[in-house]
């Protein structure tokens, strides 16, 4: 019974909130290695550079700092929250119909 519940869960519904939680607990001040594939390969330009830090600052209510790191941070957070609630609503309806 429990195993079938996990199979019915949409993995995207777990991925977006997990990503937001990871970015919430990210410490931008720590000198940690970058997760950026382009930077690790040696390509200096990345269009998403600073987005993770921007999302972190936005989730902590520091709007100006978030936009300073990447201007798309508010759009990304809004999109991920919208998608999460959309998937949760759909999952709830699916469970309720069964």
C-alpha atoms as a PDB file:
ATOM      1  CA  UNK A   1       0.000   0.000   0.000  1.00  0.00           C
ATOM      2  CA  UNK A   2       2.731   2.465   0.991  1.00  0.00           C
ATOM      3  CA  UNK A   3       4.870   1.607  -2.032  1.00  0.00           C
ATOM      4  CA  UNK A   4       1.985   2.322  -4.378  1.00  0.00           C
ATOM      5  CA  UNK A   5       1.599   5.778  -2.791  1.00  0.00           C
ATOM      6  CA  UNK A   6       5.195   6.631  -3.701  1.00  0.00           C
ATOM      7  CA  UNK A   7       4.639   5.447  -7.254  1.00  0.00           C
ATOM      8  CA  UNK A   8       1.632   7.711  -7.628  1.00  0.00           C
ATOM      9  CA  UNK A   9       3.496  10.810  -6.435  1.00  0.00           C
ATOM     10  CA  UNK A  10       4.653  13.134  -9.163  1.00  0.00           C
ATOM     11  CA  UNK A  11       8.461  13.421  -8.866  1.00  0.00           C
ATOM     12  CA  UNK A  12       8.280  17.022 -10.038  1.00  0.00           C
ATOM     13  CA  UNK A  13       6.176  17.768  -6.956  1.00  0.00           C
ATOM     14  CA  UNK A  14       9.125  16.670  -4.810  1.00  0.00           C
ATOM     15  CA  UNK A  15      11.884  18.227  -6.945  1.00  0.00           C
ATOM     16  CA  UNK A  16      10.817  21.899  -6.939  1.00  0.00           C
ATOM     17  CA  UNK A  17      10.203  22.251  -3.191  1.00  0.00           C
ATOM     18  CA  UNK A  18      13.416  20.339  -2.482  1.00  0.00           C
ATOM     19  CA  UNK A  19      15.329  22.724  -4.731  1.00  0.00           C
ATOM     20  CA  UNK A  20      13.810  25.762  -3.042  1.00  0.00           C
ATOM     21  CA  UNK A  21      14.629  24.320   0.389  1.00  0.00           C
ATOM     22  CA  UNK A  22      18.233  23.662  -0.654  1.00  0.00           C
ATOM     23  CA  UNK A  23      18.561  27.236  -1.930  1.00  0.00           C
ATOM     24  CA  UNK A  24      16.966  28.555   1.262  1.00  0.00           C
ATOM     25  CA  UNK A  25      19.617  26.855   3.393  1.00  0.00           C
ATOM     26  CA  UNK A  26      22.443  27.721   0.977  1.00  0.00           C
ATOM     27  CA  UNK A  27      25.101  29.904   2.534  1.00  0.00           C
ATOM     28  CA  UNK A  28      26.212  32.357  -0.173  1.00  0.00           C
ATOM     29  CA  UNK A  29      28.900  33.814   2.088  1.00  0.00           C
ATOM     30  CA  UNK A  30      30.622  30.440   2.467  1.00  0.00           C
ATOM     31  CA  UNK A  31      33.406  29.819   0.015  1.00  0.00           C
ATOM     32  CA  UNK A  32      32.007  26.555  -1.328  1.00  0.00           C
ATOM     33  CA  UNK A  33      32.690  25.008  -4.733  1.00  0.00           C
ATOM     34  CA  UNK A  34      30.294  26.097  -7.458  1.00  0.00           C
ATOM     35  CA  UNK A  35      27.560  23.782  -8.773  1.00  0.00           C
ATOM     36  CA  UNK A  36      27.587  25.565 -12.152  1.00  0.00           C
ATOM     37  CA  UNK A  37      28.529  23.139 -14.921  1.00  0.00           C
ATOM     38  CA  UNK A  38      29.772  25.881 -17.246  1.00  0.00           C
ATOM     39  CA  UNK A  39      32.012  27.378 -14.567  1.00  0.00           C
ATOM     40  CA  UNK A  40      33.407  23.958 -13.644  1.00  0.00           C
ATOM     41  CA  UNK A  41      34.180  23.230 -17.304  1.00  0.00           C
ATOM     42  CA  UNK A  42      36.041  26.529 -17.575  1.00  0.00           C
ATOM     43  CA  UNK A  43      33.565  28.631 -19.533  1.00  0.00           C
ATOM     44  CA  UNK A  44      33.574  32.072 -17.886  1.00  0.00           C
ATOM     45  CA  UNK A  45      30.136  33.225 -19.088  1.00  0.00           C
ATOM     46  CA  UNK A  46      26.988  31.680 -17.646  1.00  0.00           C
ATOM     47  CA  UNK A  47      23.544  33.234 -18.179  1.00  0.00           C
ATOM     48  CA  UNK A  48      22.335  31.813 -14.851  1.00  0.00           C
ATOM     49  CA  UNK A  49      25.335  32.965 -12.844  1.00  0.00           C
ATOM     50  CA  UNK A  50      24.146  34.318  -9.491  1.00  0.00           C
ATOM     51  CA  UNK A  51      20.644  32.896  -9.809  1.00  0.00           C
ATOM     52  CA  UNK A  52      21.034  30.533  -6.838  1.00  0.00           C
ATOM     53  CA  UNK A  53      22.274  33.339  -4.632  1.00  0.00           C
ATOM     54  CA  UNK A  54      19.459  35.575  -5.891  1.00  0.00           C
ATOM     55  CA  UNK A  55      16.848  32.946  -5.029  1.00  0.00           C
ATOM     56  CA  UNK A  56      18.421  32.501  -1.591  1.00  0.00           C
ATOM     57  CA  UNK A  57      18.264  36.202  -0.823  1.00  0.00           C
ATOM     58  CA  UNK A  58      14.709  36.467  -2.150  1.00  0.00           C
ATOM     59  CA  UNK A  59      13.560  33.576   0.054  1.00  0.00           C
ATOM     60  CA  UNK A  60      15.048  35.454   3.013  1.00  0.00           C
ATOM     61  CA  UNK A  61      13.167  38.647   2.072  1.00  0.00           C
ATOM     62  CA  UNK A  62      16.210  40.583   0.825  1.00  0.00           C
ATOM     63  CA  UNK A  63      14.703  41.827  -2.435  1.00  0.00           C
ATOM     64  CA  UNK A  64      17.390  44.285  -3.478  1.00  0.00           C
ATOM     65  CA  UNK A  65      20.184  41.817  -2.813  1.00  0.00           C
ATOM     66  CA  UNK A  66      18.299  39.169  -4.796  1.00  0.00           C
ATOM     67  CA  UNK A  67      17.849  41.390  -7.845  1.00  0.00           C
ATOM     68  CA  UNK A  68      21.460  42.538  -7.513  1.00  0.00           C
ATOM     69  CA  UNK A  69      22.677  38.931  -7.872  1.00  0.00           C
ATOM     70  CA  UNK A  70      20.312  38.022 -10.732  1.00  0.00           C
ATOM     71  CA  UNK A  71      17.360  39.980 -12.054  1.00  0.00           C
ATOM     72  CA  UNK A  72      15.409  36.779 -12.800  1.00  0.00           C
ATOM     73  CA  UNK A  73      15.398  35.542  -9.190  1.00  0.00           C
ATOM     74  CA  UNK A  74      11.865  36.848  -8.420  1.00  0.00           C
ATOM     75  CA  UNK A  75      10.542  35.324 -11.636  1.00  0.00           C
ATOM     76  CA  UNK A  76      12.146  31.958 -10.865  1.00  0.00           C
ATOM     77  CA  UNK A  77      10.802  31.858  -7.301  1.00  0.00           C
ATOM     78  CA  UNK A  78       7.302  32.854  -8.424  1.00  0.00           C
ATOM     79  CA  UNK A  79       7.324  30.265 -11.199  1.00  0.00           C
ATOM     80  CA  UNK A  80       8.556  27.447  -8.943  1.00  0.00           C
ATOM     81  CA  UNK A  81       6.033  28.277  -6.215  1.00  0.00           C
ATOM     82  CA  UNK A  82       3.213  28.467  -8.750  1.00  0.00           C
ATOM     83  CA  UNK A  83       4.240  25.152 -10.311  1.00  0.00           C
ATOM     84  CA  UNK A  84       4.514  23.502  -6.880  1.00  0.00           C
ATOM     85  CA  UNK A  85       1.021  24.610  -5.855  1.00  0.00           C
ATOM     86  CA  UNK A  86      -0.358  23.616  -9.262  1.00  0.00           C
ATOM     87  CA  UNK A  87       1.127  20.107  -8.947  1.00  0.00           C
ATOM     88  CA  UNK A  88       0.005  19.754  -5.317  1.00  0.00           C
ATOM     89  CA  UNK A  89      -3.536  20.693  -6.274  1.00  0.00           C
ATOM     90  CA  UNK A  90      -3.530  18.191  -9.136  1.00  0.00           C
ATOM     91  CA  UNK A  91      -2.064  15.486  -6.886  1.00  0.00           C
ATOM     92  CA  UNK A  92      -4.726  16.152  -4.260  1.00  0.00           C
ATOM     93  CA  UNK A  93      -7.489  15.832  -6.857  1.00  0.00           C
ATOM     94  CA  UNK A  94      -5.970  12.582  -8.168  1.00  0.00           C
ATOM     95  CA  UNK A  95      -5.790  11.093  -4.654  1.00  0.00           C
ATOM     96  CA  UNK A  96      -9.303  12.239  -3.873  1.00  0.00           C
ATOM     97  CA  UNK A  97     -10.730  10.596  -7.001  1.00  0.00           C
ATOM     98  CA  UNK A  98      -9.184   7.217  -6.156  1.00  0.00           C
END
